[in-house]
Structure formats: structure tokens, C-alpha cells
Protein backbone atom coordinates (compact mmCIF):
# COMPACT_ATOMS: atom_id res chain seq x y z
CA MET A 1 -8.04 12.49 24.51
CA ALA A 2 -9.76 13.19 21.37
CA ILE A 3 -7.89 16.59 21.19
CA ILE A 4 -4.33 14.90 21.97
CA LYS A 5 -5.08 12.18 19.39
CA ARG A 6 -6.25 14.85 16.50
CA SER A 7 -2.42 16.52 17.29
CA PHE A 8 -1.10 13.75 17.23
CA TRP A 9 -1.94 12.82 13.98
CA ILE A 10 -1.49 16.48 12.61
CA MET A 11 1.94 15.92 13.58
CA VAL A 12 1.87 12.45 11.66
CA LEU A 13 0.99 13.86 8.77
CA GLY A 14 2.96 17.23 9.16
CA SER A 15 6.14 15.37 9.22
CA LEU A 16 5.17 13.12 6.16
CA PHE A 17 4.41 16.02 3.76
CA LYS A 18 7.57 17.85 4.96
CA SER A 19 9.28 14.58 3.66
CA GLY A 20 9.34 15.23 0.24
CA ALA A 21 6.78 12.94 -1.22
CA LYS A 22 4.19 15.10 -3.33
CA LEU A 23 0.38 14.95 -2.82
CA SER A 24 -1.52 18.08 -4.22
CA ARG A 25 -4.25 19.11 -1.27
CA SER A 26 -6.20 20.76 -3.75
CA CYS A 27 -6.61 17.28 -6.22
CA VAL A 28 -7.11 15.05 -3.09
CA ARG A 29 -11.08 13.98 -3.09
CA PHE A 30 -13.10 11.24 -1.56
CA TYR A 31 -15.44 9.64 -3.39
CA SER A 32 -18.10 7.62 -0.79
CA LYS A 33 -20.58 5.20 -2.12
CA MET A 34 -23.83 5.18 -0.45
CA GLU A 35 -25.24 1.50 -0.20
CA ALA A 36 -28.91 2.93 -0.17
CA SER A 37 -29.25 5.60 -2.71
CA GLY A 38 -26.23 4.41 -5.06
CA ARG A 39 -25.22 8.05 -4.60
CA VAL A 40 -21.42 9.40 -4.62
CA VAL A 41 -20.72 11.85 -2.05
CA ASP A 42 -17.58 14.53 -2.86
CA LEU A 43 -15.80 15.20 0.31
CA GLN A 44 -13.06 17.13 -1.80
CA SER A 45 -13.14 20.07 0.76
CA LEU A 46 -11.62 17.76 4.02
CA GLY A 47 -8.25 18.85 4.66
CA GLU A 48 -5.25 15.49 4.97
CA LEU A 49 -6.77 15.03 8.55
CA THR A 50 -10.23 14.70 7.95
CA CYS A 51 -9.49 12.03 5.25
CA VAL A 52 -7.06 10.31 7.26
CA GLU A 53 -10.51 10.13 9.55
CA THR A 54 -13.00 9.16 7.66
CA ALA A 55 -11.14 6.33 5.87
CA LEU A 56 -10.17 4.54 8.64
CA THR A 57 -14.43 5.04 9.30
CA HIS A 58 -14.66 2.78 6.02
CA LEU A 59 -11.92 0.29 6.71
CA ARG A 60 -13.26 -0.38 10.19
CA ARG A 61 -16.64 -1.25 9.15
CA GLY A 62 -14.44 -4.20 6.70
CA GLU A 63 -14.95 -1.68 4.13
CA VAL A 64 -12.96 -1.56 1.11
CA ILE A 65 -11.03 1.96 0.35
CA ALA A 66 -8.95 3.11 -2.56
CA PHE A 67 -5.81 5.37 -2.11
CA PRO A 68 -2.71 6.50 -3.84
CA THR A 69 0.80 4.97 -3.31
CA ASP A 70 4.25 5.69 -5.19
CA THR A 71 3.40 3.46 -7.71
CA ILE A 72 0.25 3.17 -8.90
CA TYR A 73 -3.31 3.40 -6.82
CA GLY A 74 -4.13 0.06 -5.26
CA ILE A 75 -7.22 -0.89 -3.22
CA SER A 76 -7.17 -1.75 0.62
CA CYS A 77 -8.84 -3.40 3.90
CA LEU A 78 -7.50 -4.10 6.58
CA ALA A 79 -5.67 -7.30 6.80
CA GLN A 80 -6.78 -8.96 9.61
CA ASN A 81 -10.73 -8.25 8.94
CA THR A 82 -11.20 -11.60 6.87
CA ASP A 83 -14.34 -9.97 5.86
CA GLY A 84 -12.35 -7.33 4.37
CA ILE A 85 -10.48 -9.95 2.47
CA ARG A 86 -13.40 -11.57 0.93
CA GLN A 87 -14.66 -8.16 -0.73
CA LEU A 88 -10.91 -7.35 -1.78
CA TYR A 89 -11.01 -10.36 -3.56
CA ASP A 90 -14.00 -10.12 -5.04
CA ILE A 91 -13.76 -6.58 -6.64
CA LYS A 92 -10.76 -7.44 -8.51
CA ARG A 93 -12.07 -10.91 -8.98
CA ARG A 94 -8.53 -11.84 -8.09
CA ASP A 95 -7.41 -16.05 -8.19
CA LEU A 96 -7.97 -16.75 -4.61
CA LYS A 97 -5.05 -18.85 -4.44
CA LYS A 98 -2.70 -15.32 -5.69
CA PRO A 99 -1.54 -13.67 -2.50
CA VAL A 100 -1.57 -10.41 -2.03
CA ALA A 101 0.60 -7.50 -0.05
CA ILE A 102 0.73 -5.53 3.08
CA CYS A 103 0.96 -2.36 3.25
CA VAL A 104 3.00 -0.51 6.49
CA GLY A 105 3.37 2.65 7.60
CA ASP A 106 7.02 2.46 8.69
CA VAL A 107 10.07 0.46 8.47
CA SER A 108 9.88 -0.52 12.20
CA ASP A 109 6.51 -2.24 11.55
CA VAL A 110 8.08 -4.45 8.93
CA GLY A 111 8.78 -6.88 11.36
CA ARG A 112 6.14 -7.38 13.48
CA TYR A 113 3.90 -9.41 10.41
CA ALA A 114 7.26 -10.96 8.28
CA VAL A 115 10.49 -11.79 9.97
CA SER A 116 13.04 -9.64 9.42
CA ASP A 117 15.56 -11.01 11.18
CA GLY A 118 17.87 -11.77 8.05
CA VAL A 119 17.88 -8.66 6.51
CA PRO A 120 20.72 -5.87 7.87
CA SER A 121 18.30 -2.81 9.41
CA SER A 122 20.47 -0.42 6.80
CA LEU A 123 19.27 -2.31 4.10
CA LEU A 124 16.00 -2.66 4.70
CA SER A 125 15.77 1.12 5.43
CA THR A 126 17.51 1.94 1.89
CA LEU A 127 14.73 -0.29 0.65
CA LEU A 128 11.63 1.07 2.27
CA PRO A 129 10.13 3.28 2.13
CA GLY A 130 9.61 2.97 -1.42
CA ALA A 131 8.60 1.47 -4.68
CA VAL A 132 9.32 -1.95 -2.99
CA THR A 133 7.50 -5.21 -1.79
CA VAL A 134 10.17 -7.16 0.37
CA VAL A 135 8.31 -10.94 0.61
CA LEU A 136 9.67 -12.60 3.36
CA GLN A 137 8.34 -15.30 6.23
CA ARG A 138 4.92 -14.50 7.90
CA ARG A 139 4.50 -14.76 11.55
CA ASP A 140 1.80 -16.00 12.91
CA CYS A 141 -0.02 -12.96 14.05
CA LEU A 142 -1.25 -12.18 10.76
CA ASN A 143 -4.82 -12.92 9.41
CA PRO A 144 -5.22 -16.73 8.91
CA SER A 145 -7.61 -15.76 6.40
CA LEU A 146 -4.79 -13.54 3.71
CA ASN A 147 -3.07 -15.85 1.76
CA PRO A 148 -4.26 -19.09 3.95
CA ALA A 149 -1.23 -21.01 1.13
CA ALA A 150 1.41 -19.02 1.93
CA GLN A 151 4.22 -19.45 4.14
CA LEU A 152 5.89 -16.01 2.74
CA VAL A 153 4.28 -12.29 3.00
CA GLY A 154 4.77 -8.92 1.05
CA VAL A 155 5.40 -6.05 2.51
CA ARG A 156 5.34 -2.53 1.46
CA VAL A 157 6.07 0.67 2.53
CA PRO A 158 4.98 3.03 0.24
CA ASN A 159 6.86 6.33 -0.35
CA HIS A 160 3.57 8.30 -0.12
CA PRO A 161 2.91 10.18 2.70
CA LEU A 162 -1.52 9.55 2.34
CA SER A 163 -0.07 6.15 1.96
CA ARG A 164 2.09 5.67 5.13
CA ALA A 165 -0.49 7.56 7.20
CA LEU A 166 -3.91 5.56 6.92
CA ALA A 167 -1.58 2.77 7.98
CA LEU A 168 0.30 4.87 10.38
CA ALA A 169 -3.68 6.27 11.91
CA ALA A 170 -5.36 2.49 11.45
CA GLY A 171 -2.06 0.92 13.62
CA GLU A 172 -2.40 -1.99 11.56
CA ALA A 173 -1.31 -3.45 8.93
CA LEU A 174 -3.88 -2.53 4.81
CA ALA A 175 -3.97 -5.57 2.84
CA LEU A 176 -3.23 -3.86 -0.24
CA THR A 177 -3.43 -4.94 -4.15
CA SER A 178 -3.77 -2.74 -7.43
CA ALA A 179 -7.12 -0.69 -8.05
CA ASN A 180 -7.83 -2.76 -11.07
CA VAL A 181 -10.08 -5.62 -12.48
CA SER A 182 -7.33 -8.74 -12.90
CA SER A 183 -5.58 -8.96 -15.94
CA GLU A 184 -6.34 -5.54 -16.56
CA PRO A 185 -4.05 -2.42 -16.95
CA SER A 186 -2.88 -0.92 -13.31
CA CYS A 187 -4.03 2.23 -12.55
CA VAL A 188 -2.12 5.91 -12.31
CA LYS A 189 -5.40 8.11 -11.48
CA ALA A 190 -8.52 7.50 -9.98
CA GLU A 191 -10.82 7.87 -13.39
CA GLU A 192 -9.60 5.03 -14.62
CA PHE A 193 -10.62 2.52 -12.23
CA ARG A 194 -14.40 4.53 -12.10
CA HIS A 195 -16.13 0.90 -13.05
CA LEU A 196 -15.10 0.07 -9.30
CA TRP A 197 -16.43 2.84 -7.39
CA PRO A 198 -19.92 2.08 -6.93
CA GLN A 199 -17.57 -1.11 -4.77
CA LEU A 200 -15.74 0.73 -2.12
CA GLY A 201 -16.24 2.42 0.64
CA ALA A 202 -14.15 5.69 -0.28
CA VAL A 203 -11.71 6.87 -3.41
CA LEU A 204 -9.10 8.76 -2.30
CA ASP A 205 -8.11 10.75 -5.55
CA GLY A 206 -4.46 12.33 -5.28
CA GLY A 207 -4.04 12.96 -8.86
CA VAL A 208 -2.13 11.44 -11.64
CA ILE A 209 0.47 9.45 -9.62
CA THR A 210 4.05 10.01 -12.17
CA GLN A 211 6.82 9.43 -9.30
CA SER A 212 9.02 6.04 -10.70
CA PRO A 213 12.38 5.88 -9.37
CA ASP A 214 13.79 4.50 -12.95
CA ARG A 215 12.14 6.75 -15.10
CA ASP A 216 12.54 10.09 -14.81
CA ASN A 217 9.05 10.84 -13.03
CA GLU A 218 6.97 9.24 -16.08
CA PRO A 219 4.15 7.59 -15.61
CA SER A 220 4.41 3.63 -15.00
CA ARG A 221 1.91 1.02 -14.30
CA GLN A 222 4.35 -1.51 -13.84
CA GLY A 223 4.17 -1.45 -10.15
CA SER A 224 6.49 -2.32 -7.43
CA THR A 225 9.52 -4.13 -7.63
CA VAL A 226 8.22 -7.35 -5.60
CA VAL A 227 12.18 -9.35 -4.35
CA ASP A 228 12.38 -12.40 -2.08
CA LEU A 229 14.80 -11.70 0.77
CA SER A 230 13.12 -14.67 2.86
CA GLN A 231 16.99 -16.02 2.48
CA SER A 232 19.41 -13.85 4.02
CA GLY A 233 22.47 -12.76 1.69
CA THR A 234 20.22 -13.50 -1.35
CA TYR A 235 17.85 -12.30 -3.16
CA ARG A 236 15.10 -13.41 -5.67
CA ILE A 237 13.24 -10.82 -8.80
CA ILE A 238 9.45 -11.75 -8.42
CA ARG A 239 8.54 -9.15 -10.37
CA PRO A 240 10.63 -6.64 -11.73
CA GLY A 241 8.35 -4.22 -11.38
CA CYS A 242 9.58 0.14 -11.69
CA ALA A 243 12.21 0.09 -9.75
CA LEU A 244 14.53 -3.02 -10.67
CA GLU A 245 17.60 -1.39 -10.83
CA THR A 246 17.86 1.04 -7.91
CA THR A 247 16.55 -2.75 -6.13
CA GLN A 248 19.27 -4.98 -7.51
CA SER A 249 22.00 -1.81 -7.14
CA ALA A 250 21.13 -1.09 -3.26
CA LEU A 251 20.92 -5.21 -2.66
CA HIS A 252 24.27 -5.71 -4.53
CA SER A 253 25.51 -2.93 -2.11
CA HIS A 254 24.87 -4.90 1.04
CA GLY A 255 26.65 -8.12 -0.40
CA TRP A 256 23.20 -9.58 -1.79
CA THR A 257 23.58 -11.86 -4.06
CA GLN A 258 20.81 -12.51 -7.07
CA ARG A 259 19.25 -16.74 -6.75
CA THR A 260 16.94 -17.43 -9.87
CA ASP A 261 15.34 -20.54 -8.01
């Protein structure tokens, strides 16, 4: 069974890395906080599959980890783990009234946690995977401790092989927010949030994130474009982000109109 499982993830990772997303094997590093001694363990010699398996170990312990996405570095925990959610907010020093998004590994997983019936599959597949957070009505199966006052939820499918592989391997949604203390700038390399490392189970260092859909591979700290698609046929931009032009172009080409409520 273990051999079958390992072979499956080798195929998944191989497929993702062939998709064109950039991830340098030589610069992927893990930094793991050992609670007892305060030591950081360098796991840079691990292969991609082992990195995913190690990250899952931390996630399933209810810990928070950090990893690169296609926009900025994020910190994450299992969305269905209430203790992990509490830690996520504590580390970020985020107002509990401010929601966090979830990350899934494939476009087909969006409908597991959000009501996407009103969004044509062709539109959803145009926007995702990509630097876009789609906001939709949340489903009841989503952890009630995650954004308890919100009826909507933001869903991401990053165009980044490691992010997607983690979510696919977890088999469930990851709660995901930027790897910084609230009000601080977003981070495009792991060193920029070094002060958070002691509070994290592991940090996956993928080097400097340069991809930005609306700019020619220049670093962008804007994060994803956040768009409300909860009312079929119309959209509302919640945050312009780094992919505003491409997002609006896709929406308009599918006949959706902008609302400003």
C-alpha cells in the first residue's frame, strides 16, 4: 500500500512540475522548529515527494507551515483543524473578524467547499489555477470555526506545483493567508518573514517569487486578485491584486458584468 501511495504522488508531482510552473529543486528548503531545543533543522537535501510528506506530518499535527504560492509566500494549516486555525490567527496577529481563504489542489475541488454552480466551468477553469481568489457561498461541510461570521469563502488554486501538491496530498482544503504579521508587507522570499519561523512547524523555501500575471515576471507583493462570484453573471472586485487585468478580461469574455455594491 505504501509503495502504491508513493508511486501515486510521484506521478502527481511529476505532472505538476511538467505544467510549466517554476520551482527550483536546488533552492527548496525546509526549516523545522524543534520546540524543545529551539533548533532549526535544514532539510534542503529532501526530494520534492519527501518534502510534501514531511509537510503533511506537520499539518496533521495541527501545526502551521509556510510555503510559496504563485503570488507571495503564505502560511497555512488544515482548514478543518480548529486548533490550527487559532494558531494561524495568532501567528499573523490577525483580527478574528477578518476571514482567511482556503487553498485546494484542483479546480474540481472548489465545489467541495463552495457553491460554484452559478459559475460556468469554462470560466472557473480560465481563472484557476492562477493568481485569483474566487469568493463564493460556503458549504456547510467547511469548518464552522473558519470565518464563522462569513457566509462566503475565498478559494484559491495557486498556479504553483508545490502548493497544489500539498493540497492534493492532504486530501482536504488548506486555510491560507499571507506569511506576514497583519499590516506588514507581503513576502516574496522566505528570509523576509524569518521572525515568524520559530512559530511555524516548517518553512518551505522556494526562492524568490517573481511570477506576476499582469507584469513581466517582476516580483509583486499585491497578492492574488480577489473577486466575488457569488451572484451569477456579475462580479465584484474585492481586492485588485496582481492579476486584475487578466481576471476582468476573462470575466468579460464570458459575459459577466461588474457590480460595485
